[in-house]
């Protein structure tokens, strides 16, 4: 047996010969846990991640776009205990190359809680290894406009302080800090890089920014260093993302 049917493609209610299956190795693990414990426990690392792109890889000093980018480390998680950091690129898990977020999610989910795993990460231009103790996600964790005082950054975006009123308007978590993108000029580097009005820029490169002046200074510093792009960590709709802000014409 190579798989267990889980769904069929049917535009009219009848079978057209296209089906979808759960791989047998995954199904056998689930069946064994149900038989032995009556529940299915999945390994938990505690990160939010996104795929790497060519532009993000270049902005982070990598010559290839393998691995997954950590855009958030959850508090009190195995990842936090192992010193995984925002901006890390996880390239391998227990020696197996990681190419997509699904690769890492499946590898962690299939790791027994309490087991130690080795993460290979790219950080600050170097590869290093971290040891992490994988845990099980607790059930309760499963359910789960700008100020007039605006600063102006290059690349076609206007920045504003994150005031209490702005925080309420955007529905931001109190823990989110940074500067708000108030305007994005059409066809600008910011627009082409995916920056949107209402984004909260949390970091420029590896540095936390708390005022428009902070963000402007960090972007100018990257320009002065003749970088083609700089990573921005932004909070949008309750989720954090990394964007590669292009500094030169592509």
Protein backbone atom coordinates (compact mmCIF):
# COMPACT_ATOMS: atom_id res chain seq x y z
CA UNK A 1 0.00 0.00 0.00
CA UNK A 2 1.38 3.44 -0.91
CA UNK A 3 -1.47 5.61 0.30
CA UNK A 4 -4.98 5.90 1.71
CA UNK A 5 -7.65 7.68 -0.34
CA UNK A 6 -8.77 10.91 1.30
CA UNK A 7 -10.68 12.76 -1.45
CA UNK A 8 -11.61 12.63 -5.12
CA UNK A 9 -11.87 15.34 -7.75
CA UNK A 10 -15.47 15.42 -8.94
CA UNK A 11 -16.97 18.31 -10.92
CA UNK A 12 -20.36 16.60 -11.15
CA UNK A 13 -20.59 14.27 -8.15
CA UNK A 14 -19.21 11.20 -9.88
CA UNK A 15 -15.67 9.87 -10.03
CA UNK A 16 -13.56 11.05 -12.96
CA UNK A 17 -10.57 8.94 -11.96
CA UNK A 18 -8.64 11.64 -10.08
CA UNK A 19 -8.10 11.05 -6.39
CA UNK A 20 -5.96 12.31 -3.54
CA UNK A 21 -4.30 10.11 -0.94
CA UNK A 22 -2.47 10.37 2.36
CA UNK A 23 1.01 8.76 2.07
CA UNK A 24 1.09 5.38 3.80
CA UNK A 25 4.11 6.28 5.96
CA UNK A 26 2.22 9.26 7.38
CA UNK A 27 -0.96 7.26 7.85
CA UNK A 28 0.85 4.41 9.62
CA UNK A 29 2.35 6.88 12.13
CA UNK A 30 -1.12 8.32 12.85
CA UNK A 31 -2.66 4.85 13.22
CA UNK A 32 0.11 3.76 15.62
CA UNK A 33 -0.42 6.81 17.84
CA UNK A 34 -4.17 6.31 17.89
CA UNK A 35 -3.73 2.65 18.77
CA UNK A 36 -1.20 3.25 21.54
CA UNK A 37 -2.40 6.53 23.04
CA UNK A 38 -5.85 7.30 21.63
CA UNK A 39 -4.66 10.71 20.34
CA UNK A 40 -2.29 12.08 17.71
CA UNK A 41 0.57 14.23 19.04
CA UNK A 42 2.47 16.33 16.51
CA UNK A 43 5.87 17.86 17.12
CA UNK A 44 5.94 21.63 17.70
CA UNK A 45 8.81 24.04 17.03
CA UNK A 46 7.05 27.40 17.47
CA UNK A 47 7.97 29.55 14.48
CA UNK A 48 6.13 31.32 11.70
CA UNK A 49 7.95 31.01 8.42
CA UNK A 50 7.80 32.00 4.79
CA UNK A 51 9.43 30.74 1.60
CA UNK A 52 12.70 32.24 0.47
CA UNK A 53 12.75 34.16 -2.80
CA UNK A 54 15.65 35.22 -4.98
CA UNK A 55 15.29 38.84 -3.86
CA UNK A 56 15.14 37.92 -0.16
CA UNK A 57 18.15 35.63 -0.53
CA UNK A 58 20.13 38.43 -2.15
CA UNK A 59 19.07 40.90 0.53
CA UNK A 60 20.33 38.48 3.20
CA UNK A 61 23.64 37.82 1.50
CA UNK A 62 22.87 34.32 0.28
CA UNK A 63 23.75 33.08 -3.18
CA UNK A 64 20.82 30.65 -3.35
CA UNK A 65 17.20 30.70 -2.24
CA UNK A 66 17.04 27.43 -0.30
CA UNK A 67 15.60 27.14 3.18
CA UNK A 68 12.74 28.92 4.93
CA UNK A 69 12.80 32.35 6.52
CA UNK A 70 11.72 32.69 10.16
CA UNK A 71 9.50 35.75 10.44
CA UNK A 72 8.31 35.16 14.01
CA UNK A 73 9.41 33.10 17.02
CA UNK A 74 6.55 32.30 19.39
CA UNK A 75 7.05 33.10 23.08
CA UNK A 76 7.79 30.15 25.40
CA UNK A 77 8.31 27.85 22.42
CA UNK A 78 11.03 25.29 21.73
CA UNK A 79 12.40 27.65 19.08
CA UNK A 80 12.73 30.50 21.59
CA UNK A 81 14.48 28.20 24.08
CA UNK A 82 16.92 27.13 21.33
CA UNK A 83 17.70 30.81 20.52
CA UNK A 84 16.14 30.72 17.05
CA UNK A 85 15.81 34.34 15.92
CA UNK A 86 13.67 36.39 13.55
CA UNK A 87 15.50 36.59 10.25
CA UNK A 88 17.16 33.18 10.58
CA UNK A 89 17.03 31.05 7.44
CA UNK A 90 16.54 27.38 8.38
CA UNK A 91 18.34 25.34 5.72
CA UNK A 92 18.37 21.85 7.25
CA UNK A 93 16.60 19.79 9.91
CA UNK A 94 18.52 16.85 11.37
CA UNK A 95 20.83 17.00 8.37
CA UNK A 96 18.05 16.91 5.76
CA UNK A 97 17.84 19.91 3.46
CA UNK A 98 14.80 22.16 3.91
CA UNK A 99 13.53 23.81 0.73
CA UNK A 100 9.96 24.84 1.54
CA UNK A 101 7.89 25.64 4.65
CA UNK A 102 6.04 22.36 4.12
CA UNK A 103 9.34 20.45 4.34
CA UNK A 104 10.03 21.90 7.77
CA UNK A 105 6.43 21.60 8.99
CA UNK A 106 6.29 17.91 8.08
CA UNK A 107 9.72 17.16 9.56
CA UNK A 108 8.82 18.80 12.87
CA UNK A 109 5.33 17.28 13.00
CA UNK A 110 6.81 13.80 12.57
CA UNK A 111 9.34 14.29 15.37
CA UNK A 112 8.46 12.69 18.68
CA UNK A 113 7.84 15.17 21.47
CA UNK A 114 10.82 15.31 23.82
CA UNK A 115 13.29 14.45 21.06
CA UNK A 116 16.22 16.72 20.29
CA UNK A 117 16.65 17.98 16.75
CA UNK A 118 19.44 19.84 15.00
CA UNK A 119 18.63 22.97 13.02
CA UNK A 120 21.06 24.39 10.51
CA UNK A 121 20.46 28.12 10.19
CA UNK A 122 21.93 30.98 8.20
CA UNK A 123 22.41 34.08 10.39
CA UNK A 124 24.40 37.26 9.82
CA UNK A 125 26.22 35.83 6.84
CA UNK A 126 27.23 32.53 8.46
CA UNK A 127 25.84 29.02 8.84
CA UNK A 128 25.47 27.59 12.34
CA UNK A 129 23.70 24.75 14.13
CA UNK A 130 21.21 24.93 16.99
CA UNK A 131 19.90 22.14 19.19
CA UNK A 132 16.16 22.25 19.86
CA UNK A 133 13.99 20.08 22.10
CA UNK A 134 10.79 19.46 20.13
CA UNK A 135 7.59 19.62 22.18
CA UNK A 136 3.91 18.93 21.60
CA UNK A 137 1.64 21.89 20.95
CA UNK A 138 -0.77 22.22 23.85
CA UNK A 139 -4.48 22.10 22.86
CA UNK A 140 -5.18 25.63 24.11
CA UNK A 141 -2.56 26.96 21.71
CA UNK A 142 -4.10 25.30 18.68
CA UNK A 143 -7.35 27.34 18.70
CA UNK A 144 -5.93 30.17 18.49
CA UNK A 145 -4.34 56.22 9.46
CA UNK A 146 -1.12 57.94 10.15
CA UNK A 147 -0.06 60.86 12.29
CA UNK A 148 0.52 64.26 10.75
CA UNK A 149 4.09 64.10 12.03
CA UNK A 150 5.35 62.07 9.10
CA UNK A 151 8.90 61.20 8.21
CA UNK A 152 9.88 60.45 4.65
CA UNK A 153 12.02 57.53 3.68
CA UNK A 154 13.53 56.83 0.30
CA UNK A 155 12.22 54.22 -2.12
CA UNK A 156 8.82 55.90 -2.48
CA UNK A 157 7.18 55.45 0.91
CA UNK A 158 6.16 57.87 3.66
CA UNK A 159 6.55 56.74 7.25
CA UNK A 160 4.75 57.82 10.43
CA UNK A 161 5.12 57.09 14.15
CA UNK A 162 3.00 54.32 15.63
CA UNK A 163 0.66 56.32 17.89
CA UNK A 164 -2.06 54.88 20.17
CA UNK A 165 -4.72 56.10 17.71
CA UNK A 166 -2.96 54.47 14.77
CA UNK A 167 -2.53 51.26 16.75
CA UNK A 168 -6.29 51.18 17.45
CA UNK A 169 -7.19 51.94 13.83
CA UNK A 170 -5.00 49.11 12.58
CA UNK A 171 -6.13 46.71 15.33
CA UNK A 172 -2.55 45.98 16.34
CA UNK A 173 -1.46 43.77 19.20
CA UNK A 174 0.05 45.88 22.01
CA UNK A 175 3.32 43.98 21.60
CA UNK A 176 3.80 45.24 18.02
CA UNK A 177 6.18 48.17 17.77
CA UNK A 178 7.70 49.97 14.81
CA UNK A 179 6.79 52.64 12.24
CA UNK A 180 3.72 52.81 10.00
CA UNK A 181 3.80 53.04 6.22
CA UNK A 182 1.51 56.00 5.53
CA UNK A 183 1.91 56.28 1.76
CA UNK A 184 3.44 54.24 -1.05
CA UNK A 185 4.10 55.91 -4.38
CA UNK A 186 2.94 53.92 -7.44
CA UNK A 187 5.75 52.28 -9.44
CA UNK A 188 8.26 53.06 -6.67
CA UNK A 189 10.84 50.65 -5.29
CA UNK A 190 8.66 50.25 -2.18
CA UNK A 191 5.58 49.38 -4.24
CA UNK A 192 7.50 46.93 -6.42
CA UNK A 193 8.93 45.31 -3.28
CA UNK A 194 5.42 44.61 -1.92
CA UNK A 195 5.26 47.30 0.76
CA UNK A 196 1.66 48.37 1.48
CA UNK A 197 -0.02 51.28 3.25
CA UNK A 198 -0.74 50.21 6.84
CA UNK A 199 2.28 47.93 7.10
CA UNK A 200 4.20 48.34 10.33
CA UNK A 201 7.94 48.12 9.74
CA UNK A 202 9.40 46.35 12.76
CA UNK A 203 12.98 45.83 11.59
CA UNK A 204 15.23 47.11 8.84
CA UNK A 205 17.85 44.45 8.29
CA UNK A 206 18.70 43.09 11.74
CA UNK A 207 17.85 46.32 13.54
CA UNK A 208 14.62 47.16 15.40
CA UNK A 209 13.17 50.54 14.37
CA UNK A 210 10.87 52.62 16.56
CA UNK A 211 10.74 55.98 14.77
CA UNK A 212 10.62 57.07 11.11
CA UNK A 213 14.09 58.56 11.60
CA UNK A 214 15.40 55.13 12.69
CA UNK A 215 14.02 53.48 9.56
CA UNK A 216 15.29 56.23 7.25
CA UNK A 217 18.78 56.02 8.75
CA UNK A 218 18.94 52.23 8.36
CA UNK A 219 17.76 52.37 4.75
CA UNK A 220 20.27 55.13 3.94
CA UNK A 221 23.02 53.07 5.58
CA UNK A 222 22.16 50.11 3.35
CA UNK A 223 22.27 52.42 0.32
CA UNK A 224 25.63 53.78 1.42
CA UNK A 225 26.92 50.21 1.67
CA UNK A 226 25.78 49.79 -1.97
CA UNK A 227 23.42 46.94 -1.13
CA UNK A 228 20.92 45.97 -3.83
CA UNK A 229 18.18 45.27 -1.27
CA UNK A 230 17.56 45.27 2.46
CA UNK A 231 15.21 42.95 4.40
CA UNK A 232 12.20 44.59 6.05
CA UNK A 233 10.26 42.76 8.76
CA UNK A 234 6.70 44.07 8.57
CA UNK A 235 3.54 43.33 10.55
CA UNK A 236 0.43 43.11 8.38
CA UNK A 237 -3.05 41.88 9.37
CA UNK A 238 -1.72 40.22 12.50
CA UNK A 239 1.08 38.36 10.72
CA UNK A 240 4.74 39.22 10.26
CA UNK A 241 6.47 38.97 6.90
CA UNK A 242 9.89 39.67 5.48
CA UNK A 243 10.05 41.78 2.33
CA UNK A 244 13.14 42.60 0.32
CA UNK A 245 13.14 46.38 -0.20
CA UNK A 246 14.87 47.00 -3.51
CA UNK A 247 17.41 49.81 -3.33
CA UNK A 248 18.49 49.85 -6.97
CA UNK A 249 16.75 49.27 -10.28
CA UNK A 250 16.53 45.58 -11.11
